[in-house]
Amino acid sequence: MDFSHILKFLKALAKNNDRVWFEKNKTKYITAKEDFDEFLAKLLSELTKFDKSLTGLNPKKLSFRIYRDVRFSKDKSPYKNNMGAGFSPRGKMIQEPGYYLHIQPGNKSFVAGGLYMPDSSHLAKIRQEIDYNYKAFEKVLKNKKFKAWFAGLDDFDKLKTAPKGYPKDHPHLDLLKHKSFIVSHYFTDKEVQDKKFIKNVVEGCKAVKPLNDFLAEALL
């Protein structure tokens, strides 16, 4: 599938992020969105081959809205300059591990996996599982295929000190400080437009599945 026109639309939107321009170019958005949903359907079909928990999802309901929620943001731009979709057993990675695809021009597209911003009860369970079963978690992070795709957990969201209930000299404190358990792998615009892109996204998701399995087990 050719992503060039999707990237072109998103690039133009980033430069003209206002309702007047968007309405004038609504047909271009609709075309881009339809093509993105078509790609998601193909991707979902591939993902269910190794992750049966995704069986039965509606690919048209996996993408996130392009309209931004600006109520609590200083940035009042009405639209996102990207297209994204989440894959998890209940749909869009809401309080459960899954996979995420992000398309954004400027070499900012990426595939990700794990659990983003779990609530306090889920976060406590994950930290407890890492504490009690560190060797299994270490095995995930040190897996050769995993390391080929991901450098480790993303560091964008961490505590500055030890979480409540854990000593400051805990041997795995750096991992326990995380508030999100996400990994990501970026693609250049050229890679996104390559015919092998869907295959590469699938391989990235395969690499992250053991992490998702560990997190899902922790939440039981």
Protein backbone atom coordinates (compact mmCIF):
# COMPACT_ATOMS: atom_id res chain seq x y z
CA MET A 1 0.00 0.00 0.00
CA ASP A 2 1.24 3.50 -0.86
CA PHE A 3 1.45 5.79 2.17
CA SER A 4 2.84 8.75 0.21
CA HIS A 5 -0.49 10.60 -0.07
CA ILE A 6 -1.26 10.02 3.63
CA LEU A 7 2.09 11.53 4.60
CA LYS A 8 1.51 14.36 2.13
CA PHE A 9 -1.89 15.16 3.63
CA LEU A 10 -0.57 15.08 7.20
CA LYS A 11 2.36 17.32 6.26
CA ALA A 12 -0.03 19.85 4.72
CA LEU A 13 -2.30 19.63 7.76
CA ALA A 14 0.61 20.41 10.09
CA LYS A 15 1.19 23.63 8.15
CA ASN A 16 -2.51 24.54 7.94
CA ASN A 17 -3.96 23.35 11.23
CA ASP A 18 -7.24 25.22 11.20
CA ARG A 19 -10.88 24.37 10.55
CA VAL A 20 -11.23 26.42 7.38
CA TRP A 21 -8.37 24.60 5.62
CA PHE A 22 -9.52 21.23 6.93
CA GLU A 23 -13.06 21.66 5.64
CA LYS A 24 -11.75 22.68 2.21
CA ASN A 25 -9.62 19.54 2.14
CA LYS A 26 -12.10 17.19 3.81
CA THR A 27 -12.24 14.85 0.82
CA LYS A 28 -8.45 14.39 0.98
CA TYR A 29 -8.73 13.54 4.65
CA ILE A 30 -11.52 11.04 4.01
CA THR A 31 -9.45 9.34 1.30
CA ALA A 32 -6.40 9.18 3.57
CA LYS A 33 -8.50 7.84 6.45
CA GLU A 34 -10.09 5.15 4.28
CA ASP A 35 -6.68 4.03 3.06
CA PHE A 36 -5.36 3.98 6.62
CA ASP A 37 -8.32 1.84 7.75
CA GLU A 38 -7.68 -0.51 4.82
CA PHE A 39 -4.08 -0.89 5.98
CA LEU A 40 -5.27 -1.53 9.55
CA ALA A 41 -7.55 -4.32 8.34
CA LYS A 42 -4.61 -6.03 6.62
CA LEU A 43 -2.39 -5.47 9.64
CA LEU A 44 -4.99 -6.87 12.04
CA SER A 45 -5.29 -9.97 9.89
CA GLU A 46 -1.53 -10.52 10.24
CA LEU A 47 -1.46 -9.79 13.97
CA THR A 48 -4.20 -12.31 14.78
CA LYS A 49 -2.02 -15.04 13.29
CA PHE A 50 0.25 -14.89 16.36
CA ASP A 51 -1.96 -13.06 18.88
CA LYS A 52 -5.37 -14.70 19.06
CA SER A 53 -6.57 -12.22 21.69
CA LEU A 54 -7.11 -9.70 18.87
CA THR A 55 -9.53 -11.97 17.00
CA GLY A 56 -12.88 -10.35 16.31
CA LEU A 57 -11.78 -6.71 16.50
CA ASN A 58 -13.31 -4.26 14.04
CA PRO A 59 -10.41 -2.58 12.18
CA LYS A 60 -12.56 0.50 11.50
CA LYS A 61 -12.76 1.12 15.24
CA LEU A 62 -9.04 0.87 15.98
CA SER A 63 -7.87 4.27 14.73
CA PHE A 64 -7.88 7.31 16.98
CA ARG A 65 -9.77 10.48 16.12
CA ILE A 66 -7.81 13.16 14.29
CA TYR A 67 -9.64 15.81 16.30
CA ARG A 68 -7.67 17.02 19.33
CA ASP A 69 -9.12 17.56 22.79
CA VAL A 70 -7.92 21.11 23.43
CA ARG A 71 -9.85 21.79 26.66
CA PHE A 72 -6.80 21.51 28.91
CA SER A 73 -4.07 22.28 26.39
CA LYS A 74 -2.24 25.53 25.67
CA ASP A 75 -1.97 24.35 22.07
CA LYS A 76 -5.40 25.03 20.57
CA SER A 77 -4.66 23.43 17.19
CA PRO A 78 -7.87 21.52 16.41
CA TYR A 79 -6.28 18.54 14.61
CA LYS A 80 -3.54 16.01 15.21
CA ASN A 81 -0.76 15.96 12.61
CA ASN A 82 -0.65 12.16 12.73
CA MET A 83 -2.78 9.06 12.36
CA GLY A 84 -2.68 6.40 15.02
CA ALA A 85 -4.32 3.10 15.88
CA GLY A 86 -4.30 0.79 18.88
CA PHE A 87 -4.67 -3.00 18.93
CA SER A 88 -5.58 -4.82 22.14
CA PRO A 89 -8.20 -7.42 23.14
CA ARG A 90 -10.84 -4.78 23.92
CA GLY A 91 -9.84 -2.38 21.17
CA LYS A 92 -7.47 0.53 21.71
CA MET A 93 -5.03 -0.38 24.49
CA ILE A 94 -7.23 1.16 27.18
CA GLN A 95 -5.80 -0.15 30.47
CA GLU A 96 -4.47 -3.30 28.82
CA PRO A 97 -1.30 -4.23 26.93
CA GLY A 98 -1.35 -4.02 23.15
CA TYR A 99 0.24 -2.64 20.00
CA TYR A 100 0.20 0.89 18.60
CA LEU A 101 0.91 2.24 15.11
CA HIS A 102 1.69 5.92 14.61
CA ILE A 103 2.02 7.57 11.19
CA GLN A 104 3.56 11.04 11.09
CA PRO A 105 5.70 12.72 8.42
CA GLY A 106 9.22 13.88 9.19
CA ASN A 107 10.49 10.38 10.03
CA LYS A 108 8.30 10.34 13.16
CA SER A 109 6.25 7.23 12.42
CA PHE A 110 6.66 4.33 14.83
CA VAL A 111 5.32 1.01 16.06
CA ALA A 112 4.99 0.56 19.79
CA GLY A 113 3.74 -1.91 22.35
CA GLY A 114 3.19 -2.42 26.04
CA LEU A 115 0.91 -0.51 28.43
CA TYR A 116 0.60 3.27 28.47
CA MET A 117 -0.23 5.08 31.72
CA PRO A 118 -1.84 2.25 33.70
CA ASP A 119 -4.05 3.35 36.59
CA SER A 120 -2.72 3.08 40.13
CA SER A 121 -4.03 -0.44 40.77
CA HIS A 122 -2.61 -1.81 37.50
CA LEU A 123 0.67 0.01 38.04
CA ALA A 124 1.01 -1.55 41.49
CA LYS A 125 0.43 -5.03 40.04
CA ILE A 126 3.05 -4.56 37.33
CA ARG A 127 5.64 -3.27 39.78
CA GLN A 128 4.91 -6.18 42.09
CA GLU A 129 5.32 -8.66 39.24
CA ILE A 130 8.67 -7.13 38.26
CA ASP A 131 9.76 -7.27 41.89
CA TYR A 132 8.66 -10.88 42.42
CA ASN A 133 9.46 -12.25 38.99
CA TYR A 134 12.36 -10.15 37.74
CA LYS A 135 14.14 -12.97 35.95
CA ALA A 136 11.15 -13.49 33.63
CA PHE A 137 11.02 -9.76 32.90
CA GLU A 138 14.76 -9.64 32.31
CA LYS A 139 14.42 -12.53 29.88
CA VAL A 140 11.91 -10.46 27.86
CA LEU A 141 14.15 -7.39 27.78
CA LYS A 142 17.28 -9.35 26.88
CA ASN A 143 15.69 -11.47 24.15
CA LYS A 144 17.73 -11.13 20.95
CA LYS A 145 14.72 -10.36 18.74
CA PHE A 146 13.38 -7.84 21.24
CA LYS A 147 16.73 -6.04 21.43
CA ALA A 148 16.95 -5.94 17.63
CA TRP A 149 13.81 -3.79 17.62
CA PHE A 150 13.84 -1.94 20.93
CA ALA A 151 16.53 -0.35 23.09
CA GLY A 152 14.46 -0.98 26.22
CA LEU A 153 11.51 0.65 27.94
CA ASP A 154 10.85 4.21 26.81
CA ASP A 155 12.05 6.67 29.48
CA PHE A 156 9.52 9.44 28.87
CA ASP A 157 7.45 8.80 31.99
CA LYS A 158 9.28 7.90 35.23
CA LEU A 159 9.29 8.77 38.89
CA LYS A 160 12.29 10.70 40.20
CA THR A 161 12.41 8.68 43.39
CA ALA A 162 11.52 5.16 44.52
CA PRO A 163 7.81 4.30 44.28
CA LYS A 164 5.94 3.98 47.58
CA GLY A 165 6.65 0.68 49.28
CA TYR A 166 10.03 0.08 47.64
CA PRO A 167 13.46 0.90 49.10
CA LYS A 168 15.71 3.44 47.43
CA ASP A 169 18.40 0.77 47.07
CA HIS A 170 16.12 -1.75 45.34
CA PRO A 171 18.24 -3.63 42.74
CA HIS A 172 15.68 -3.00 40.00
CA LEU A 173 14.66 0.50 41.03
CA ASP A 174 15.17 1.98 37.56
CA LEU A 175 12.48 -0.32 36.14
CA LEU A 176 10.13 0.20 39.06
CA LYS A 177 10.24 3.99 38.54
CA HIS A 178 8.39 3.65 35.22
CA LYS A 179 4.78 4.85 35.11
CA SER A 180 4.31 3.50 31.58
CA PHE A 181 5.72 0.27 30.18
CA ILE A 182 6.11 1.11 26.52
CA VAL A 183 8.68 0.30 23.85
CA SER A 184 8.84 1.90 20.41
CA HIS A 185 10.66 1.62 17.10
CA TYR A 186 10.76 4.51 14.62
CA PHE A 187 10.54 4.41 10.83
CA THR A 188 11.72 6.92 8.25
CA ASP A 189 9.22 8.28 5.73
CA LYS A 190 10.98 6.19 3.10
CA GLU A 191 10.48 3.03 5.16
CA VAL A 192 6.78 3.83 5.67
CA GLN A 193 6.32 4.09 1.90
CA ASP A 194 8.21 0.85 1.22
CA LYS A 195 6.10 -2.15 0.17
CA LYS A 196 7.69 -4.12 3.04
CA PHE A 197 6.29 -1.71 5.64
CA ILE A 198 3.43 -3.95 6.76
CA LYS A 199 5.82 -6.88 7.12
CA ASN A 200 8.16 -4.75 9.23
CA VAL A 201 5.35 -3.53 11.47
CA VAL A 202 4.24 -7.13 12.01
CA GLU A 203 7.79 -8.18 12.92
CA GLY A 204 8.00 -5.33 15.41
CA CYS A 205 4.74 -6.43 17.01
CA LYS A 206 5.97 -10.02 17.20
CA ALA A 207 9.05 -8.78 19.03
CA VAL A 208 6.94 -6.93 21.59
CA LYS A 209 4.43 -9.72 22.26
CA PRO A 210 6.45 -11.31 25.11
CA LEU A 211 6.37 -7.95 26.91
CA ASN A 212 2.61 -7.75 26.43
CA ASP A 213 2.25 -11.31 27.72
CA PHE A 214 4.27 -10.48 30.86
CA LEU A 215 2.19 -7.36 31.54
CA ALA A 216 -1.10 -9.17 30.90
CA GLU A 217 -0.09 -11.91 33.33
CA ALA A 218 0.73 -9.29 35.95
CA LEU A 219 -2.75 -7.79 35.66
CA LEU A 220 -4.62 -11.07 36.25
